[in-house]
């Protein structure tokens, strides 16, 4: 394997890791946003049904 081929393989591998990182980060942001929205919804629901 020549030096140029090694650089291309390393760049391709690094690019793959970056793509996986972006997908993982997006998943956690979306999941976290939904959890937070669900918690806020729960607070409003409980506040609406509280004994006054």
PDB file of N, CA and C in Angstrom:
ATOM      1  N   UNK A   1       0.852  -1.165   0.000  1.00  0.00           N
ATOM      2  CA  UNK A   1       0.000   0.000   0.000  1.00  0.00           C
ATOM      3  C   UNK A   1       0.902   1.233   0.000  1.00  0.00           C
ATOM      4  N   UNK A   2       0.607   2.159  -0.861  1.00  0.00           N
ATOM      5  CA  UNK A   2       1.437   3.364  -0.925  1.00  0.00           C
ATOM      6  C   UNK A   2       1.004   4.354   0.142  1.00  0.00           C
ATOM      7  N   UNK A   3       1.822   5.352   0.342  1.00  0.00           N
ATOM      8  CA  UNK A   3       1.539   6.365   1.354  1.00  0.00           C
ATOM      9  C   UNK A   3       0.264   7.131   1.017  1.00  0.00           C
ATOM     10  N   UNK A   4       0.036   7.372  -0.264  1.00  0.00           N
ATOM     11  CA  UNK A   4      -1.156   8.098  -0.703  1.00  0.00           C
ATOM     12  C   UNK A   4      -2.426   7.297  -0.403  1.00  0.00           C
ATOM     13  N   UNK A   5      -2.371   5.995  -0.608  1.00  0.00           N
ATOM     14  CA  UNK A   5      -3.524   5.136  -0.329  1.00  0.00           C
ATOM     15  C   UNK A   5      -3.803   5.089   1.175  1.00  0.00           C
ATOM     16  N   UNK A   6      -2.758   5.080   1.984  1.00  0.00           N
ATOM     17  CA  UNK A   6      -2.947   5.084   3.442  1.00  0.00           C
ATOM     18  C   UNK A   6      -3.630   6.367   3.898  1.00  0.00           C
ATOM     19  N   UNK A   7      -3.222   7.489   3.312  1.00  0.00           N
ATOM     20  CA  UNK A   7      -3.824   8.774   3.675  1.00  0.00           C
ATOM     21  C   UNK A   7      -5.303   8.790   3.305  1.00  0.00           C
ATOM     22  N   UNK A   8      -5.624   8.257   2.121  1.00  0.00           N
ATOM     23  CA  UNK A   8      -7.027   8.205   1.695  1.00  0.00           C
ATOM     24  C   UNK A   8      -7.839   7.302   2.613  1.00  0.00           C
ATOM     25  N   UNK A   9      -7.276   6.155   3.001  1.00  0.00           N
ATOM     26  CA  UNK A   9      -7.980   5.234   3.895  1.00  0.00           C
ATOM     27  C   UNK A   9      -8.176   5.868   5.269  1.00  0.00           C
ATOM     28  N   UNK A  10      -7.167   6.556   5.775  1.00  0.00           N
ATOM     29  CA  UNK A  10      -7.269   7.205   7.076  1.00  0.00           C
ATOM     30  C   UNK A  10      -8.297   8.336   7.032  1.00  0.00           C
ATOM     31  N   UNK A  11      -8.304   9.108   5.949  1.00  0.00           N
ATOM     32  CA  UNK A  11      -9.268  10.195   5.806  1.00  0.00           C
ATOM     33  C   UNK A  11     -10.688   9.639   5.710  1.00  0.00           C
ATOM     34  N   UNK A  12     -10.843   8.540   4.992  1.00  0.00           N
ATOM     35  CA  UNK A  12     -12.161   7.920   4.866  1.00  0.00           C
ATOM     36  C   UNK A  12     -12.643   7.399   6.213  1.00  0.00           C
ATOM     37  N   UNK A  13     -11.739   6.789   6.978  1.00  0.00           N
ATOM     38  CA  UNK A  13     -12.092   6.270   8.298  1.00  0.00           C
ATOM     39  C   UNK A  13     -12.457   7.408   9.244  1.00  0.00           C
ATOM     40  N   UNK A  14     -11.705   8.497   9.183  1.00  0.00           N
ATOM     41  CA  UNK A  14     -11.975   9.655  10.032  1.00  0.00           C
ATOM     42  C   UNK A  14     -13.323  10.283   9.661  1.00  0.00           C
ATOM     43  N   UNK A  15     -13.603  10.352   8.385  1.00  0.00           N
ATOM     44  CA  UNK A  15     -14.879  10.898   7.913  1.00  0.00           C
ATOM     45  C   UNK A  15     -16.043  10.039   8.409  1.00  0.00           C
ATOM     46  N   UNK A  16     -15.862   8.734   8.403  1.00  0.00           N
ATOM     47  CA  UNK A  16     -16.897   7.826   8.883  1.00  0.00           C
ATOM     48  C   UNK A  16     -17.182   8.065  10.360  1.00  0.00           C
ATOM     49  N   UNK A  17     -16.132   8.260  11.152  1.00  0.00           N
ATOM     50  CA  UNK A  17     -16.313   8.523  12.589  1.00  0.00           C
ATOM     51  C   UNK A  17     -17.026   9.845  12.812  1.00  0.00           C
ATOM     52  N   UNK A  18     -16.711  10.858  11.997  1.00  0.00           N
ATOM     53  CA  UNK A  18     -17.375  12.153  12.130  1.00  0.00           C
ATOM     54  C   UNK A  18     -18.860  12.031  11.821  1.00  0.00           C
ATOM     55  N   UNK A  19     -19.198  11.264  10.782  1.00  0.00           N
ATOM     56  CA  UNK A  19     -20.602  11.064  10.431  1.00  0.00           C
ATOM     57  C   UNK A  19     -21.338  10.354  11.550  1.00  0.00           C
ATOM     58  N   UNK A  20     -20.728   9.339  12.123  1.00  0.00           N
ATOM     59  CA  UNK A  20     -21.360   8.624  13.239  1.00  0.00           C
ATOM     60  C   UNK A  20     -21.549   9.545  14.434  1.00  0.00           C
ATOM     61  N   UNK A  21     -20.579  10.415  14.683  1.00  0.00           N
ATOM     62  CA  UNK A  21     -20.682  11.364  15.790  1.00  0.00           C
ATOM     63  C   UNK A  21     -21.820  12.343  15.597  1.00  0.00           C
ATOM     64  N   UNK A  22     -21.984  12.818  14.379  1.00  0.00           N
ATOM     65  CA  UNK A  22     -23.061  13.762  14.087  1.00  0.00           C
ATOM     66  C   UNK A  22     -24.411  13.087  14.263  1.00  0.00           C
ATOM     67  N   UNK A  23     -24.544  11.875  13.764  1.00  0.00           N
ATOM     68  CA  UNK A  23     -25.812  11.148  13.891  1.00  0.00           C
ATOM     69  C   UNK A  23     -26.116  10.872  15.353  1.00  0.00           C
ATOM     70  N   UNK A  24     -25.118  10.459  16.115  1.00  0.00           N
ATOM     71  CA  UNK A  24     -25.317  10.176  17.538  1.00  0.00           C
ATOM     72  C   UNK A  24     -25.694  11.444  18.296  1.00  0.00           C
ATOM     73  N   UNK A  25     -25.014  12.537  18.007  1.00  0.00           N
ATOM     74  CA  UNK A  25     -25.312  13.809  18.676  1.00  0.00           C
ATOM     75  C   UNK A  25     -26.719  14.270  18.327  1.00  0.00           C
ATOM     76  N   UNK A  26     -27.115  14.167  17.073  1.00  0.00           N
ATOM     77  CA  UNK A  26     -28.467  14.567  16.665  1.00  0.00           C
ATOM     78  C   UNK A  26     -29.516  13.705  17.366  1.00  0.00           C
ATOM     79  N   UNK A  27     -29.259  12.400  17.475  1.00  0.00           N
ATOM     80  CA  UNK A  27     -30.201  11.519  18.164  1.00  0.00           C
ATOM     81  C   UNK A  27     -30.384  11.949  19.612  1.00  0.00           C
ATOM     82  N   UNK A  28     -29.278  12.225  20.309  1.00  0.00           N
ATOM     83  CA  UNK A  28     -29.380  12.618  21.713  1.00  0.00           C
ATOM     84  C   UNK A  28     -30.063  13.976  21.869  1.00  0.00           C
ATOM     85  N   UNK A  29     -29.797  14.917  20.966  1.00  0.00           N
ATOM     86  CA  UNK A  29     -30.465  16.218  21.040  1.00  0.00           C
ATOM     87  C   UNK A  29     -31.964  16.066  20.814  1.00  0.00           C
ATOM     88  N   UNK A  30     -32.346  15.285  19.822  1.00  0.00           N
ATOM     89  CA  UNK A  30     -33.769  15.081  19.546  1.00  0.00           C
ATOM     90  C   UNK A  30     -34.434  14.338  20.694  1.00  0.00           C
ATOM     91  N   UNK A  31     -33.786  13.283  21.191  1.00  0.00           N
ATOM     92  CA  UNK A  31     -34.324  12.521  22.309  1.00  0.00           C
ATOM     93  C   UNK A  31     -34.444  13.403  23.548  1.00  0.00           C
ATOM     94  N   UNK A  32     -33.418  14.169  23.842  1.00  0.00           N
ATOM     95  CA  UNK A  32     -33.435  15.044  25.007  1.00  0.00           C
ATOM     96  C   UNK A  32     -34.508  16.111  24.909  1.00  0.00           C
ATOM     97  N   UNK A  33     -34.703  16.655  23.729  1.00  0.00           N
ATOM     98  CA  UNK A  33     -35.739  17.654  23.532  1.00  0.00           C
ATOM     99  C   UNK A  33     -37.122  17.064  23.778  1.00  0.00           C
ATOM    100  N   UNK A  34     -37.336  15.842  23.313  1.00  0.00           N
ATOM    101  CA  UNK A  34     -38.629  15.206  23.531  1.00  0.00           C
ATOM    102  C   UNK A  34     -38.855  14.874  25.006  1.00  0.00           C
ATOM    103  N   UNK A  35     -37.818  14.462  25.695  1.00  0.00           N
ATOM    104  CA  UNK A  35     -37.944  14.190  27.128  1.00  0.00           C
ATOM    105  C   UNK A  35     -38.285  15.478  27.870  1.00  0.00           C
ATOM    106  N   UNK A  36     -37.594  16.556  27.546  1.00  0.00           N
ATOM    107  CA  UNK A  36     -37.867  17.842  28.183  1.00  0.00           C
ATOM    108  C   UNK A  36     -39.294  18.314  27.881  1.00  0.00           C
ATOM    109  N   UNK A  37     -39.721  18.188  26.628  1.00  0.00           N
ATOM    110  CA  UNK A  37     -41.080  18.593  26.258  1.00  0.00           C
ATOM    111  C   UNK A  37     -42.115  17.735  26.988  1.00  0.00           C
ATOM    112  N   UNK A  38     -41.849  16.447  27.113  1.00  0.00           N
ATOM    113  CA  UNK A  38     -42.759  15.570  27.852  1.00  0.00           C
ATOM    114  C   UNK A  38     -42.846  15.953  29.316  1.00  0.00           C
ATOM    115  N   UNK A  39     -41.725  16.340  29.916  1.00  0.00           N
ATOM    116  CA  UNK A  39     -41.720  16.758  31.314  1.00  0.00           C
ATOM    117  C   UNK A  39     -42.529  18.039  31.497  1.00  0.00           C
ATOM    118  N   UNK A  40     -42.342  19.002  30.594  1.00  0.00           N
ATOM    119  CA  UNK A  40     -43.115  20.246  30.672  1.00  0.00           C
ATOM    120  C   UNK A  40     -44.601  19.957  30.485  1.00  0.00           C
ATOM    121  N   UNK A  41     -44.935  19.075  29.556  1.00  0.00           N
ATOM    122  CA  UNK A  41     -46.329  18.689  29.345  1.00  0.00           C
ATOM    123  C   UNK A  41     -46.895  18.052  30.612  1.00  0.00           C
ATOM    124  N   UNK A  42     -46.119  17.201  31.254  1.00  0.00           N
ATOM    125  CA  UNK A  42     -46.552  16.568  32.500  1.00  0.00           C
ATOM    126  C   UNK A  42     -46.797  17.613  33.583  1.00  0.00           C
ATOM    127  N   UNK A  43     -45.945  18.604  33.696  1.00  0.00           N
ATOM    128  CA  UNK A  43     -46.146  19.662  34.683  1.00  0.00           C
ATOM    129  C   UNK A  43     -47.448  20.416  34.426  1.00  0.00           C
ATOM    130  N   UNK A  44     -47.714  20.754  33.162  1.00  0.00           N
ATOM    131  CA  UNK A  44     -48.967  21.438  32.849  1.00  0.00           C
ATOM    132  C   UNK A  44     -50.173  20.545  33.145  1.00  0.00           C
ATOM    133  N   UNK A  45     -50.075  19.270  32.817  1.00  0.00           N
ATOM    134  CA  UNK A  45     -51.166  18.337  33.068  1.00  0.00           C
ATOM    135  C   UNK A  45     -51.451  18.217  34.573  1.00  0.00           C
ATOM    136  N   UNK A  46     -50.399  18.058  35.332  1.00  0.00           N
ATOM    137  CA  UNK A  46     -50.573  17.926  36.783  1.00  0.00           C
ATOM    138  C   UNK A  46     -51.078  19.236  37.392  1.00  0.00           C
ATOM    139  N   UNK A  47     -50.619  20.354  36.902  1.00  0.00           N
ATOM    140  CA  UNK A  47     -51.096  21.642  37.394  1.00  0.00           C
ATOM    141  C   UNK A  47     -52.550  21.881  37.068  1.00  0.00           C
ATOM    142  N   UNK A  48     -52.993  21.407  35.928  1.00  0.00           N
ATOM    143  CA  UNK A  48     -54.394  21.589  35.528  1.00  0.00           C
ATOM    144  C   UNK A  48     -55.313  20.714  36.383  1.00  0.00           C
ATOM    145  N   UNK A  49     -54.837  19.553  36.803  1.00  0.00           N
ATOM    146  CA  UNK A  49     -55.670  18.628  37.553  1.00  0.00           C
ATOM    147  C   UNK A  49     -55.409  18.682  39.055  1.00  0.00           C
ATOM    148  N   UNK A  50     -54.705  19.661  39.510  1.00  0.00           N
ATOM    149  CA  UNK A  50     -54.405  19.774  40.943  1.00  0.00           C
ATOM    150  C   UNK A  50     -55.645  20.274  41.690  1.00  0.00           C
ATOM    151  N   UNK A  51     -55.739  19.886  42.941  1.00  0.00           N
ATOM    152  CA  UNK A  51     -56.837  20.372  43.796  1.00  0.00           C
ATOM    153  C   UNK A  51     -56.597  21.844  44.103  1.00  0.00           C
ATOM    154  N   UNK A  52     -57.604  22.638  43.862  1.00  0.00           N
ATOM    155  CA  UNK A  52     -57.450  24.087  44.093  1.00  0.00           C
ATOM    156  C   UNK A  52     -58.321  24.546  45.214  1.00  0.00           C
TER     157      UNK A  52
END
